Every structure is written in structure tokens, then in C-alpha cells.
N, C-alpha and C. Protein backbone atom coordinates (compact mmCIF):
# COMPACT_ATOMS: atom_id res chain seq x y z
N MET A 1 3.27 -18.87 -2.25
CA MET A 1 2.81 -17.73 -3.01
C MET A 1 2.26 -16.63 -2.10
N ILE A 2 1.58 -17.06 -1.04
CA ILE A 2 1.01 -16.09 -0.10
C ILE A 2 2.13 -15.29 0.57
N LYS A 3 3.19 -15.99 0.95
CA LYS A 3 4.31 -15.31 1.60
C LYS A 3 4.98 -14.31 0.66
N TRP A 4 5.21 -14.70 -0.59
CA TRP A 4 5.80 -13.79 -1.58
C TRP A 4 4.92 -12.56 -1.77
N ALA A 5 3.62 -12.79 -1.88
CA ALA A 5 2.69 -11.68 -2.06
C ALA A 5 2.74 -10.73 -0.87
N GLY A 6 2.74 -11.29 0.33
CA GLY A 6 2.80 -10.46 1.53
C GLY A 6 4.05 -9.59 1.57
N TRP A 7 5.19 -10.20 1.23
CA TRP A 7 6.43 -9.43 1.22
C TRP A 7 6.42 -8.35 0.14
N LEU A 8 5.92 -8.67 -1.05
CA LEU A 8 5.85 -7.66 -2.12
C LEU A 8 4.99 -6.47 -1.70
N ILE A 9 3.84 -6.77 -1.11
CA ILE A 9 2.92 -5.70 -0.68
C ILE A 9 3.58 -4.85 0.41
N LEU A 10 4.16 -5.50 1.40
CA LEU A 10 4.81 -4.79 2.50
C LEU A 10 5.96 -3.92 1.99
N LEU A 11 6.82 -4.48 1.16
CA LEU A 11 7.98 -3.74 0.67
C LEU A 11 7.59 -2.59 -0.24
N TYR A 12 6.56 -2.79 -1.05
CA TYR A 12 6.08 -1.72 -1.93
C TYR A 12 5.56 -0.54 -1.11
N GLY A 13 4.75 -0.85 -0.10
CA GLY A 13 4.22 0.21 0.77
C GLY A 13 5.32 0.92 1.53
N ALA A 14 6.29 0.16 2.04
CA ALA A 14 7.39 0.77 2.78
C ALA A 14 8.25 1.63 1.86
N ALA A 15 8.54 1.14 0.66
CA ALA A 15 9.36 1.91 -0.29
C ALA A 15 8.67 3.21 -0.67
N HIS A 16 7.36 3.15 -0.90
CA HIS A 16 6.63 4.37 -1.26
C HIS A 16 6.68 5.38 -0.12
N THR A 17 6.39 4.93 1.08
CA THR A 17 6.34 5.84 2.22
C THR A 17 7.71 6.41 2.54
N LEU A 18 8.70 5.55 2.64
CA LEU A 18 10.05 6.02 2.98
C LEU A 18 10.64 6.87 1.85
N GLY A 19 10.35 6.49 0.61
CA GLY A 19 10.82 7.29 -0.52
C GLY A 19 10.20 8.68 -0.52
N ALA A 20 8.92 8.75 -0.21
CA ALA A 20 8.25 10.06 -0.15
C ALA A 20 8.82 10.91 0.97
N LEU A 21 9.07 10.29 2.12
CA LEU A 21 9.59 11.04 3.27
C LEU A 21 11.03 11.51 3.06
N THR A 22 11.83 10.72 2.35
CA THR A 22 13.25 11.05 2.21
C THR A 22 13.58 11.61 0.83
N ILE A 23 13.47 10.80 -0.20
CA ILE A 23 13.87 11.21 -1.55
C ILE A 23 13.04 12.40 -2.03
N GLU A 24 11.74 12.33 -1.82
CA GLU A 24 10.86 13.42 -2.25
C GLU A 24 10.85 14.59 -1.26
N GLY A 25 11.43 14.38 -0.09
CA GLY A 25 11.56 15.46 0.89
C GLY A 25 10.32 15.77 1.70
N ALA A 26 9.33 14.88 1.68
CA ALA A 26 8.09 15.15 2.43
C ALA A 26 8.34 15.27 3.93
N GLY A 27 9.31 14.51 4.44
CA GLY A 27 9.60 14.56 5.86
C GLY A 27 10.04 15.93 6.34
N GLY A 28 10.51 16.76 5.44
CA GLY A 28 10.92 18.11 5.80
C GLY A 28 9.77 19.00 6.24
N HIS A 29 8.55 18.53 6.02
CA HIS A 29 7.36 19.30 6.41
C HIS A 29 6.76 18.82 7.73
N ALA A 30 7.43 17.89 8.41
CA ALA A 30 6.87 17.30 9.63
C ALA A 30 6.53 18.34 10.69
N ALA A 31 7.36 19.34 10.85
CA ALA A 31 7.08 20.37 11.86
C ALA A 31 5.76 21.08 11.56
N GLU A 32 5.49 21.30 10.28
CA GLU A 32 4.23 21.95 9.89
C GLU A 32 3.04 21.03 10.16
N TRP A 33 3.23 19.72 9.94
CA TRP A 33 2.14 18.76 10.17
C TRP A 33 1.70 18.78 11.62
N PHE A 34 2.69 18.81 12.52
CA PHE A 34 2.38 18.68 13.94
C PHE A 34 2.14 20.02 14.63
N SER A 35 2.19 21.10 13.88
CA SER A 35 1.93 22.42 14.47
C SER A 35 0.48 22.86 14.25
N GLY A 36 -0.29 22.03 13.55
CA GLY A 36 -1.69 22.37 13.29
C GLY A 36 -1.90 23.11 11.98
N GLN A 37 -0.86 23.27 11.20
CA GLN A 37 -0.98 24.02 9.95
C GLN A 37 -1.95 23.36 8.97
N LEU A 38 -2.10 22.06 9.03
CA LEU A 38 -2.97 21.36 8.08
C LEU A 38 -4.44 21.42 8.45
N TRP A 39 -4.76 21.89 9.64
CA TRP A 39 -6.14 21.89 10.10
C TRP A 39 -7.05 22.71 9.20
N ASP A 40 -6.55 23.77 8.66
CA ASP A 40 -7.36 24.63 7.78
C ASP A 40 -6.93 24.54 6.33
N ASP A 41 -6.16 23.52 5.99
CA ASP A 41 -5.67 23.37 4.62
C ASP A 41 -6.83 23.06 3.68
N ASP A 42 -6.82 23.67 2.53
CA ASP A 42 -7.86 23.50 1.52
C ASP A 42 -7.49 22.32 0.63
N LEU A 43 -8.31 21.28 0.60
CA LEU A 43 -7.99 20.10 -0.19
C LEU A 43 -7.92 20.38 -1.69
N SER A 44 -8.64 21.37 -2.16
CA SER A 44 -8.59 21.68 -3.60
C SER A 44 -7.43 22.60 -3.95
N ASN A 45 -6.79 23.17 -2.95
CA ASN A 45 -5.65 24.06 -3.18
C ASN A 45 -4.66 23.87 -2.02
N MET A 46 -4.07 22.67 -1.97
CA MET A 46 -3.24 22.30 -0.82
C MET A 46 -1.92 23.04 -0.77
N SER A 47 -1.47 23.23 0.44
CA SER A 47 -0.14 23.79 0.67
C SER A 47 0.91 22.72 0.37
N ALA A 48 2.17 23.13 0.31
CA ALA A 48 3.26 22.17 0.09
C ALA A 48 3.29 21.14 1.22
N ALA A 49 3.02 21.58 2.45
CA ALA A 49 3.00 20.66 3.59
C ALA A 49 1.85 19.67 3.46
N GLY A 50 0.70 20.13 2.99
CA GLY A 50 -0.44 19.24 2.78
C GLY A 50 -0.16 18.22 1.70
N ASN A 51 0.42 18.66 0.60
CA ASN A 51 0.80 17.73 -0.47
C ASN A 51 1.78 16.69 0.03
N ALA A 52 2.78 17.13 0.80
CA ALA A 52 3.78 16.21 1.34
C ALA A 52 3.14 15.20 2.28
N PHE A 53 2.17 15.64 3.08
CA PHE A 53 1.48 14.74 4.01
C PHE A 53 0.71 13.66 3.25
N TRP A 54 -0.05 14.09 2.22
CA TRP A 54 -0.84 13.13 1.44
C TRP A 54 0.04 12.20 0.61
N LEU A 55 1.22 12.65 0.23
CA LEU A 55 2.14 11.83 -0.54
C LEU A 55 2.81 10.77 0.32
N SER A 56 2.96 11.03 1.61
CA SER A 56 3.74 10.14 2.47
C SER A 56 2.90 9.45 3.54
N ILE A 57 2.66 10.10 4.63
CA ILE A 57 2.01 9.50 5.79
C ILE A 57 0.55 9.13 5.52
N ASP A 58 -0.16 9.96 4.78
CA ASP A 58 -1.58 9.70 4.55
C ASP A 58 -1.84 9.06 3.18
N SER A 59 -0.81 8.47 2.58
CA SER A 59 -0.96 7.82 1.28
C SER A 59 -1.35 6.36 1.48
N PHE A 60 -1.35 5.62 0.39
CA PHE A 60 -1.64 4.19 0.46
C PHE A 60 -0.47 3.41 1.05
N GLY A 61 0.72 3.99 1.09
CA GLY A 61 1.91 3.28 1.54
C GLY A 61 1.80 2.64 2.91
N PRO A 62 1.46 3.41 3.95
CA PRO A 62 1.35 2.79 5.28
C PRO A 62 0.28 1.69 5.35
N MET A 63 -0.81 1.85 4.61
CA MET A 63 -1.85 0.81 4.63
C MET A 63 -1.39 -0.45 3.90
N LEU A 64 -0.58 -0.29 2.84
CA LEU A 64 -0.03 -1.47 2.18
C LEU A 64 0.96 -2.19 3.09
N VAL A 65 1.71 -1.45 3.89
CA VAL A 65 2.59 -2.08 4.88
C VAL A 65 1.74 -2.92 5.84
N LEU A 66 0.66 -2.35 6.31
CA LEU A 66 -0.24 -3.06 7.23
C LEU A 66 -0.84 -4.30 6.57
N ILE A 67 -1.32 -4.17 5.34
CA ILE A 67 -1.90 -5.32 4.63
C ILE A 67 -0.85 -6.39 4.42
N GLY A 68 0.35 -5.99 4.00
CA GLY A 68 1.43 -6.96 3.81
C GLY A 68 1.77 -7.69 5.10
N MET A 69 1.84 -6.95 6.21
CA MET A 69 2.13 -7.57 7.50
C MET A 69 1.02 -8.53 7.92
N MET A 70 -0.23 -8.15 7.66
CA MET A 70 -1.36 -9.03 8.01
C MET A 70 -1.32 -10.31 7.17
N VAL A 71 -1.03 -10.19 5.89
CA VAL A 71 -0.94 -11.37 5.02
C VAL A 71 0.18 -12.29 5.52
N LEU A 72 1.33 -11.72 5.85
CA LEU A 72 2.44 -12.53 6.37
C LEU A 72 2.09 -13.17 7.71
N TRP A 73 1.42 -12.43 8.58
CA TRP A 73 1.02 -12.98 9.87
C TRP A 73 0.03 -14.13 9.66
N MET A 74 -0.93 -13.92 8.77
CA MET A 74 -1.93 -14.97 8.50
C MET A 74 -1.25 -16.22 7.95
N GLN A 75 -0.32 -16.03 7.02
CA GLN A 75 0.38 -17.17 6.43
C GLN A 75 1.19 -17.90 7.50
N HIS A 76 1.86 -17.15 8.36
CA HIS A 76 2.66 -17.75 9.42
C HIS A 76 1.79 -18.56 10.39
N ASN A 77 0.58 -18.10 10.63
CA ASN A 77 -0.33 -18.77 11.56
C ASN A 77 -1.31 -19.71 10.86
N ARG A 78 -1.02 -20.03 9.61
CA ARG A 78 -1.81 -20.99 8.82
C ARG A 78 -3.26 -20.56 8.66
N VAL A 79 -3.46 -19.26 8.52
CA VAL A 79 -4.79 -18.71 8.25
C VAL A 79 -4.77 -18.26 6.80
N VAL A 80 -5.73 -18.74 6.03
CA VAL A 80 -5.78 -18.37 4.61
C VAL A 80 -6.48 -17.02 4.49
N PRO A 81 -5.82 -16.06 3.86
CA PRO A 81 -6.48 -14.75 3.69
C PRO A 81 -7.74 -14.90 2.84
N PRO A 82 -8.75 -14.11 3.11
CA PRO A 82 -9.96 -14.17 2.28
C PRO A 82 -9.68 -13.65 0.88
N MET A 83 -10.37 -14.21 -0.12
CA MET A 83 -10.13 -13.84 -1.51
C MET A 83 -10.44 -12.38 -1.79
N PHE A 84 -11.28 -11.75 -0.96
CA PHE A 84 -11.60 -10.34 -1.24
C PHE A 84 -10.39 -9.43 -1.06
N VAL A 85 -9.39 -9.86 -0.30
CA VAL A 85 -8.20 -9.02 -0.11
C VAL A 85 -7.44 -8.84 -1.43
N PRO A 86 -7.01 -9.93 -2.09
CA PRO A 86 -6.33 -9.71 -3.37
C PRO A 86 -7.25 -9.17 -4.46
N ALA A 87 -8.53 -9.52 -4.42
CA ALA A 87 -9.46 -9.01 -5.43
C ALA A 87 -9.61 -7.50 -5.31
N ALA A 88 -9.76 -7.01 -4.09
CA ALA A 88 -9.89 -5.56 -3.87
C ALA A 88 -8.59 -4.84 -4.23
N LEU A 89 -7.45 -5.42 -3.84
CA LEU A 89 -6.16 -4.82 -4.19
C LEU A 89 -5.99 -4.73 -5.70
N LEU A 90 -6.35 -5.81 -6.39
CA LEU A 90 -6.21 -5.83 -7.85
C LEU A 90 -7.13 -4.81 -8.51
N ALA A 91 -8.37 -4.73 -8.06
CA ALA A 91 -9.31 -3.76 -8.64
C ALA A 91 -8.81 -2.33 -8.43
N TRP A 92 -8.39 -2.02 -7.22
CA TRP A 92 -7.86 -0.69 -6.91
C TRP A 92 -6.63 -0.40 -7.76
N ASN A 93 -5.76 -1.41 -7.90
CA ASN A 93 -4.52 -1.23 -8.64
C ASN A 93 -4.77 -1.03 -10.13
N LEU A 94 -5.76 -1.69 -10.70
CA LEU A 94 -6.06 -1.51 -12.12
C LEU A 94 -6.61 -0.11 -12.39
N ILE A 95 -7.37 0.43 -11.45
CA ILE A 95 -7.82 1.82 -11.58
C ILE A 95 -6.60 2.74 -11.54
N ASP A 96 -5.68 2.46 -10.64
CA ASP A 96 -4.45 3.24 -10.55
C ASP A 96 -3.67 3.16 -11.86
N ALA A 97 -3.59 1.97 -12.43
CA ALA A 97 -2.86 1.78 -13.69
C ALA A 97 -3.49 2.56 -14.83
N ALA A 98 -4.81 2.60 -14.87
CA ALA A 98 -5.50 3.34 -15.93
C ALA A 98 -5.29 4.85 -15.79
N ALA A 99 -5.23 5.32 -14.55
CA ALA A 99 -5.07 6.76 -14.31
C ALA A 99 -3.62 7.20 -14.39
N LEU A 100 -2.72 6.38 -13.88
CA LEU A 100 -1.29 6.74 -13.81
C LEU A 100 -0.46 5.62 -14.43
N LEU A 101 -0.38 5.61 -15.74
CA LEU A 101 0.27 4.51 -16.46
C LEU A 101 1.72 4.31 -16.07
N TYR A 102 2.47 5.39 -15.91
CA TYR A 102 3.91 5.26 -15.67
C TYR A 102 4.25 5.30 -14.18
N THR A 103 3.66 4.39 -13.45
CA THR A 103 3.98 4.19 -12.04
C THR A 103 4.29 2.70 -11.86
N PRO A 104 4.83 2.29 -10.73
CA PRO A 104 5.17 0.87 -10.55
C PRO A 104 3.98 -0.02 -10.18
N TRP A 105 2.80 0.25 -10.74
CA TRP A 105 1.61 -0.54 -10.43
C TRP A 105 1.75 -2.03 -10.75
N PRO A 106 2.60 -2.46 -11.72
CA PRO A 106 2.70 -3.91 -11.96
C PRO A 106 3.13 -4.71 -10.74
N ILE A 107 3.84 -4.09 -9.81
CA ILE A 107 4.29 -4.82 -8.61
C ILE A 107 3.09 -5.28 -7.79
N ILE A 108 2.12 -4.40 -7.56
CA ILE A 108 0.94 -4.78 -6.79
C ILE A 108 0.05 -5.71 -7.61
N THR A 109 0.04 -5.56 -8.93
CA THR A 109 -0.72 -6.50 -9.77
C THR A 109 -0.15 -7.91 -9.60
N ILE A 110 1.16 -8.04 -9.67
CA ILE A 110 1.81 -9.34 -9.48
C ILE A 110 1.52 -9.88 -8.09
N ALA A 111 1.65 -9.04 -7.07
CA ALA A 111 1.39 -9.47 -5.69
C ALA A 111 -0.05 -9.94 -5.53
N SER A 112 -1.00 -9.23 -6.14
CA SER A 112 -2.41 -9.60 -6.05
C SER A 112 -2.66 -10.95 -6.70
N ILE A 113 -2.07 -11.16 -7.87
CA ILE A 113 -2.25 -12.43 -8.58
C ILE A 113 -1.60 -13.57 -7.80
N LEU A 114 -0.40 -13.34 -7.27
CA LEU A 114 0.24 -14.36 -6.44
C LEU A 114 -0.62 -14.70 -5.23
N LEU A 115 -1.19 -13.69 -4.62
CA LEU A 115 -2.04 -13.92 -3.45
C LEU A 115 -3.30 -14.68 -3.84
N MET A 116 -3.90 -14.35 -4.97
CA MET A 116 -5.08 -15.09 -5.44
C MET A 116 -4.75 -16.56 -5.68
N ILE A 117 -3.63 -16.81 -6.35
CA ILE A 117 -3.22 -18.19 -6.61
C ILE A 117 -2.95 -18.91 -5.30
N GLY A 118 -2.24 -18.26 -4.38
CA GLY A 118 -1.94 -18.87 -3.09
C GLY A 118 -3.19 -19.19 -2.29
N VAL A 119 -4.15 -18.27 -2.28
CA VAL A 119 -5.41 -18.50 -1.56
C VAL A 119 -6.16 -19.66 -2.19
N ARG A 120 -6.24 -19.68 -3.52
CA ARG A 120 -6.95 -20.76 -4.21
C ARG A 120 -6.29 -22.11 -3.92
N ARG A 121 -4.97 -22.16 -3.97
CA ARG A 121 -4.25 -23.41 -3.68
C ARG A 121 -4.47 -23.85 -2.23
N ALA A 122 -4.39 -22.90 -1.31
CA ALA A 122 -4.57 -23.24 0.11
C ALA A 122 -5.98 -23.75 0.37
N LYS A 123 -6.97 -23.14 -0.26
CA LYS A 123 -8.36 -23.60 -0.09
C LYS A 123 -8.53 -24.98 -0.71
N GLY A 124 -7.83 -25.24 -1.82
CA GLY A 124 -7.90 -26.55 -2.47
C GLY A 124 -7.26 -27.64 -1.64
N ASN A 125 -6.27 -27.28 -0.83
CA ASN A 125 -5.60 -28.24 0.05
C ASN A 125 -6.33 -28.42 1.37
N GLY A 126 -7.42 -27.68 1.56
CA GLY A 126 -8.18 -27.79 2.80
C GLY A 126 -7.53 -27.10 3.98
N THR A 127 -6.65 -26.15 3.73
CA THR A 127 -5.97 -25.44 4.81
C THR A 127 -6.82 -24.34 5.37
């Protein structure tokens, strides 16, 4: 279960980030990101380049990739992830679900529950 959860988290984060960069066209603003244009960007009235940056590179996607990779690494090395990881992911995801109903939030909900079950089983086995 831990391995499945890790893959779901990693793939969800990668799909969000790569989708934002390609399908949504955020990557087309990369030159603006690296030219310093965002340094004076107003967060309450963002430019198109600022919106694209927050949608892609500075979104939750890259961090979910990192969390998924860490969960997979821990599982591979027989380290049981702490329960606060899936609990925090689930809490954050439920807030996301309440605010943005028509998004693919059920994927992270399923991954969080799988991870919780996997952690509980692993702790029960003394791993």
C-alpha cells in the first residue's frame, strides 16, 4: 500500500506540473521568470508570467513529486513513513476539496488513505 501511495503522489505531482508547463502553456513564460520580471510582481494583481509560475513551478506539484519520491525511497529501504505525512496530506487535500470541488483531489485522498493503511500495517508487523 505504501508503494502504491508513493507512486500515486509522485505521478499526480508530475502530471500537474508537466500539464501546467505544457498543456496550460506556463512554460512559455520561462524567459520572463528568469529575466527578473517577477521580482516586483504584485501578488494581489499578478502578471500572466506570475500566474504561470505559481501554477507550475511554484505550485504543490513539485513538492508532491518530492513527497512521492521520499515515500518510495522509504518503502524501498524498509523505513516506515511517519503517520503525520498522510495525515497532513489528507487534511490539506480536504481543504482543497472544499474550496475547489471539481478538481482531481480524490486521487490524493486515495493515496493518503492507502499510505495511512500501509503505515498502520507496517507498524503492526513491527517493521
